[in-house]
């Protein structure tokens, strides 16, 4: 699944600001376009509307999340804001 143009811009901004994915063991993993495209494809394959990941942003102590949608768009923000978006 290809990311939308807006999703690519959003992702580029996150990467420029040092965003990374937080693994279950607390380590970080690079945030890449390929990762997000695979996540969107997995949503389609597994029948999900979106999949979420813990997001690390330098200088932000609040828990953050990344949502990747089956249509190729992404959202990022606080856990509460991502939960609201998912609830729509």
N, C-alpha and C. Protein backbone atom coordinates (compact mmCIF):
# COMPACT_ATOMS: atom_id res chain seq x y z
N UNK A 1 0.85 -1.18 0.00
CA UNK A 1 0.00 0.00 0.00
C UNK A 1 0.89 1.23 0.00
N UNK A 2 0.65 2.14 -0.90
CA UNK A 2 1.40 3.38 -0.98
C UNK A 2 0.78 4.42 -0.05
N UNK A 3 1.62 5.15 0.65
CA UNK A 3 1.13 6.23 1.51
C UNK A 3 0.62 7.39 0.66
N UNK A 4 -0.35 8.10 1.20
CA UNK A 4 -0.83 9.30 0.52
C UNK A 4 0.25 10.38 0.53
N UNK A 5 0.11 11.35 -0.35
CA UNK A 5 1.08 12.45 -0.40
C UNK A 5 1.15 13.18 0.93
N UNK A 6 -0.01 13.45 1.52
CA UNK A 6 -0.02 14.13 2.83
C UNK A 6 0.64 13.27 3.90
N UNK A 7 0.42 11.95 3.85
CA UNK A 7 1.05 11.06 4.82
C UNK A 7 2.57 11.09 4.68
N UNK A 8 3.04 11.12 3.44
CA UNK A 8 4.50 11.18 3.20
C UNK A 8 5.08 12.47 3.77
N UNK A 9 4.37 13.58 3.58
CA UNK A 9 4.83 14.87 4.13
C UNK A 9 4.85 14.81 5.66
N UNK A 10 3.79 14.29 6.23
CA UNK A 10 3.69 14.17 7.69
C UNK A 10 4.83 13.30 8.22
N UNK A 11 5.06 12.16 7.57
CA UNK A 11 6.12 11.25 7.97
C UNK A 11 7.49 11.91 7.86
N UNK A 12 7.73 12.63 6.76
CA UNK A 12 9.00 13.35 6.60
C UNK A 12 9.23 14.33 7.74
N UNK A 13 8.17 15.03 8.14
CA UNK A 13 8.28 15.99 9.24
C UNK A 13 8.61 15.27 10.54
N UNK A 14 7.93 14.16 10.80
CA UNK A 14 8.23 13.40 12.01
C UNK A 14 9.68 12.93 12.03
N UNK A 15 10.14 12.41 10.91
CA UNK A 15 11.52 11.91 10.81
C UNK A 15 12.51 13.05 11.01
N UNK A 16 12.25 14.20 10.39
CA UNK A 16 13.14 15.37 10.55
C UNK A 16 13.24 15.80 12.00
N UNK A 17 12.17 15.60 12.76
CA UNK A 17 12.16 15.97 14.17
C UNK A 17 12.68 14.85 15.08
N UNK A 18 13.19 13.79 14.48
CA UNK A 18 13.81 12.72 15.26
C UNK A 18 12.87 11.66 15.79
N UNK A 19 11.67 11.58 15.24
CA UNK A 19 10.70 10.58 15.71
C UNK A 19 11.20 9.16 15.44
N UNK A 20 10.86 8.27 16.35
CA UNK A 20 11.18 6.84 16.21
C UNK A 20 10.04 6.05 16.83
N UNK A 21 9.98 4.79 16.48
CA UNK A 21 8.99 3.90 17.07
C UNK A 21 9.55 3.29 18.33
N UNK A 22 8.70 3.12 19.32
CA UNK A 22 9.12 2.50 20.57
C UNK A 22 8.75 1.03 20.55
N UNK A 23 9.75 0.17 20.68
CA UNK A 23 9.51 -1.28 20.69
C UNK A 23 8.99 -1.70 22.06
N UNK A 24 8.46 -2.91 22.13
CA UNK A 24 7.90 -3.43 23.39
C UNK A 24 8.95 -3.50 24.50
N UNK A 25 10.21 -3.69 24.13
CA UNK A 25 11.27 -3.77 25.14
C UNK A 25 11.82 -2.40 25.53
N UNK A 26 11.21 -1.32 24.98
CA UNK A 26 11.62 0.03 25.31
C UNK A 26 12.67 0.61 24.38
N UNK A 27 13.24 -0.22 23.51
CA UNK A 27 14.23 0.29 22.56
C UNK A 27 13.50 1.05 21.45
N UNK A 28 14.26 1.73 20.61
CA UNK A 28 13.66 2.48 19.52
C UNK A 28 13.97 1.81 18.18
N UNK A 29 13.07 2.03 17.25
CA UNK A 29 13.20 1.51 15.89
C UNK A 29 12.99 2.67 14.94
N UNK A 30 13.73 2.70 13.87
CA UNK A 30 13.59 3.78 12.89
C UNK A 30 12.18 3.82 12.31
N UNK A 31 11.70 5.02 12.12
CA UNK A 31 10.41 5.26 11.48
C UNK A 31 10.70 5.51 10.01
N UNK A 32 10.17 4.67 9.14
CA UNK A 32 10.44 4.80 7.71
C UNK A 32 9.15 4.71 6.90
N UNK A 33 9.24 5.18 5.67
CA UNK A 33 8.10 5.08 4.76
C UNK A 33 7.77 3.60 4.50
N UNK A 34 8.79 2.78 4.32
CA UNK A 34 8.57 1.35 4.06
C UNK A 34 7.82 0.69 5.23
N UNK A 35 8.19 1.05 6.46
CA UNK A 35 7.51 0.50 7.64
C UNK A 35 6.03 0.87 7.60
N UNK A 36 5.73 2.14 7.32
CA UNK A 36 4.34 2.60 7.31
C UNK A 36 3.55 1.97 6.16
N UNK A 37 4.19 1.80 5.00
CA UNK A 37 3.51 1.16 3.87
C UNK A 37 3.18 -0.29 4.20
N UNK A 38 4.08 -0.98 4.87
CA UNK A 38 3.82 -2.37 5.27
C UNK A 38 2.69 -2.42 6.30
N UNK A 39 2.68 -1.47 7.23
CA UNK A 39 1.61 -1.42 8.23
C UNK A 39 0.25 -1.21 7.55
N UNK A 40 0.19 -0.32 6.56
CA UNK A 40 -1.06 -0.09 5.84
C UNK A 40 -1.49 -1.35 5.09
N UNK A 41 -0.54 -2.03 4.47
CA UNK A 41 -0.84 -3.28 3.76
C UNK A 41 -1.31 -4.35 4.75
N UNK A 42 -0.71 -4.40 5.93
CA UNK A 42 -1.13 -5.36 6.95
C UNK A 42 -2.55 -5.07 7.42
N UNK A 43 -2.93 -3.80 7.49
CA UNK A 43 -4.31 -3.44 7.86
C UNK A 43 -5.28 -4.06 6.86
N UNK A 44 -4.98 -3.91 5.58
CA UNK A 44 -5.86 -4.45 4.55
C UNK A 44 -5.91 -5.98 4.65
N UNK A 45 -4.73 -6.59 4.75
CA UNK A 45 -4.63 -8.06 4.80
C UNK A 45 -5.39 -8.64 5.99
N UNK A 46 -5.27 -7.97 7.15
CA UNK A 46 -5.86 -8.50 8.38
C UNK A 46 -7.24 -7.93 8.71
N UNK A 47 -7.75 -7.03 7.86
CA UNK A 47 -9.10 -6.50 8.04
C UNK A 47 -9.25 -5.39 9.07
N UNK A 48 -8.17 -4.66 9.34
CA UNK A 48 -8.21 -3.55 10.30
C UNK A 48 -8.38 -2.23 9.56
N UNK A 49 -8.99 -1.26 10.20
CA UNK A 49 -9.03 0.09 9.65
C UNK A 49 -7.71 0.80 9.86
N UNK A 50 -7.06 0.55 11.02
CA UNK A 50 -5.80 1.22 11.35
C UNK A 50 -5.03 0.36 12.35
N UNK A 51 -3.76 0.64 12.43
CA UNK A 51 -2.90 0.01 13.43
C UNK A 51 -2.10 1.11 14.10
N UNK A 52 -1.86 0.97 15.39
CA UNK A 52 -1.16 2.02 16.13
C UNK A 52 0.18 1.52 16.67
N UNK A 53 1.06 2.49 16.87
CA UNK A 53 2.40 2.22 17.38
C UNK A 53 2.77 3.31 18.38
N UNK A 54 3.55 2.95 19.38
CA UNK A 54 4.09 3.94 20.31
C UNK A 54 5.15 4.74 19.58
N UNK A 55 5.12 6.05 19.76
CA UNK A 55 6.00 6.97 19.05
C UNK A 55 6.87 7.72 20.04
N UNK A 56 8.14 7.80 19.75
CA UNK A 56 9.08 8.58 20.57
C UNK A 56 9.43 9.86 19.82
N UNK A 57 9.31 10.98 20.52
CA UNK A 57 9.69 12.27 19.95
C UNK A 57 10.63 12.97 20.92
N UNK A 58 11.81 13.36 20.45
CA UNK A 58 12.77 14.02 21.34
C UNK A 58 12.15 15.26 22.00
N UNK A 59 12.37 15.38 23.30
CA UNK A 59 11.90 16.55 24.04
C UNK A 59 10.45 16.49 24.48
N UNK A 60 9.75 15.42 24.13
CA UNK A 60 8.35 15.28 24.53
C UNK A 60 8.24 14.08 25.46
N UNK A 61 7.86 14.34 26.71
CA UNK A 61 7.77 13.27 27.71
C UNK A 61 6.43 12.56 27.70
N UNK A 62 5.43 13.21 27.14
CA UNK A 62 4.08 12.63 27.09
C UNK A 62 4.07 11.41 26.15
N UNK A 63 3.35 10.34 26.51
CA UNK A 63 3.23 9.21 25.59
C UNK A 63 2.57 9.65 24.28
N UNK A 64 3.16 9.25 23.17
CA UNK A 64 2.68 9.62 21.85
C UNK A 64 2.42 8.36 21.04
N UNK A 65 1.56 8.50 20.02
CA UNK A 65 1.24 7.35 19.17
C UNK A 65 1.23 7.75 17.70
N UNK A 66 1.42 6.75 16.87
CA UNK A 66 1.30 6.88 15.43
C UNK A 66 0.22 5.91 14.99
N UNK A 67 -0.74 6.38 14.19
CA UNK A 67 -1.77 5.52 13.61
C UNK A 67 -1.55 5.48 12.11
N UNK A 68 -1.49 4.27 11.56
CA UNK A 68 -1.36 4.07 10.12
C UNK A 68 -2.67 3.43 9.66
N UNK A 69 -3.31 4.06 8.68
CA UNK A 69 -4.63 3.64 8.21
C UNK A 69 -4.52 2.81 6.94
N UNK A 70 -5.51 1.97 6.72
CA UNK A 70 -5.51 1.08 5.56
C UNK A 70 -5.55 1.85 4.23
N UNK A 71 -6.01 3.09 4.25
CA UNK A 71 -6.04 3.88 3.01
C UNK A 71 -4.74 4.63 2.75
N UNK A 72 -3.72 4.42 3.64
CA UNK A 72 -2.41 5.02 3.40
C UNK A 72 -2.20 6.37 4.05
N UNK A 73 -3.09 6.80 4.92
CA UNK A 73 -2.81 8.05 5.64
C UNK A 73 -2.34 7.73 7.06
N UNK A 74 -1.71 8.70 7.68
CA UNK A 74 -1.21 8.51 9.04
C UNK A 74 -1.64 9.68 9.92
N UNK A 75 -1.74 9.40 11.20
CA UNK A 75 -2.00 10.41 12.22
C UNK A 75 -0.99 10.20 13.34
N UNK A 76 -0.59 11.28 13.96
CA UNK A 76 0.27 11.17 15.14
C UNK A 76 -0.20 12.17 16.17
N UNK A 77 0.08 11.84 17.43
CA UNK A 77 -0.31 12.75 18.51
C UNK A 77 -0.32 12.04 19.84
N UNK A 78 -0.90 12.70 20.81
CA UNK A 78 -1.00 12.11 22.15
C UNK A 78 -1.87 10.86 22.08
N UNK A 79 -1.74 10.02 23.07
CA UNK A 79 -2.56 8.81 23.12
C UNK A 79 -4.04 9.17 23.08
N UNK A 80 -4.43 10.18 23.83
CA UNK A 80 -5.83 10.61 23.88
C UNK A 80 -6.30 11.08 22.50
N UNK A 81 -5.50 11.88 21.81
CA UNK A 81 -5.93 12.39 20.51
C UNK A 81 -6.03 11.27 19.48
N UNK A 82 -5.11 10.31 19.53
CA UNK A 82 -5.18 9.19 18.59
C UNK A 82 -6.40 8.32 18.91
N UNK A 83 -6.70 8.12 20.16
CA UNK A 83 -7.90 7.36 20.54
C UNK A 83 -9.16 8.05 20.01
N UNK A 84 -9.20 9.37 20.08
CA UNK A 84 -10.36 10.11 19.55
C UNK A 84 -10.48 9.93 18.05
N UNK A 85 -9.36 9.99 17.33
CA UNK A 85 -9.37 9.83 15.88
C UNK A 85 -9.83 8.41 15.52
N UNK A 86 -9.35 7.42 16.26
CA UNK A 86 -9.73 6.04 16.00
C UNK A 86 -11.22 5.80 16.26
N UNK A 87 -11.79 6.57 17.17
CA UNK A 87 -13.18 6.39 17.58
C UNK A 87 -14.17 6.97 16.58
N UNK A 88 -13.69 7.73 15.61
CA UNK A 88 -14.61 8.37 14.65
C UNK A 88 -15.24 7.37 13.73
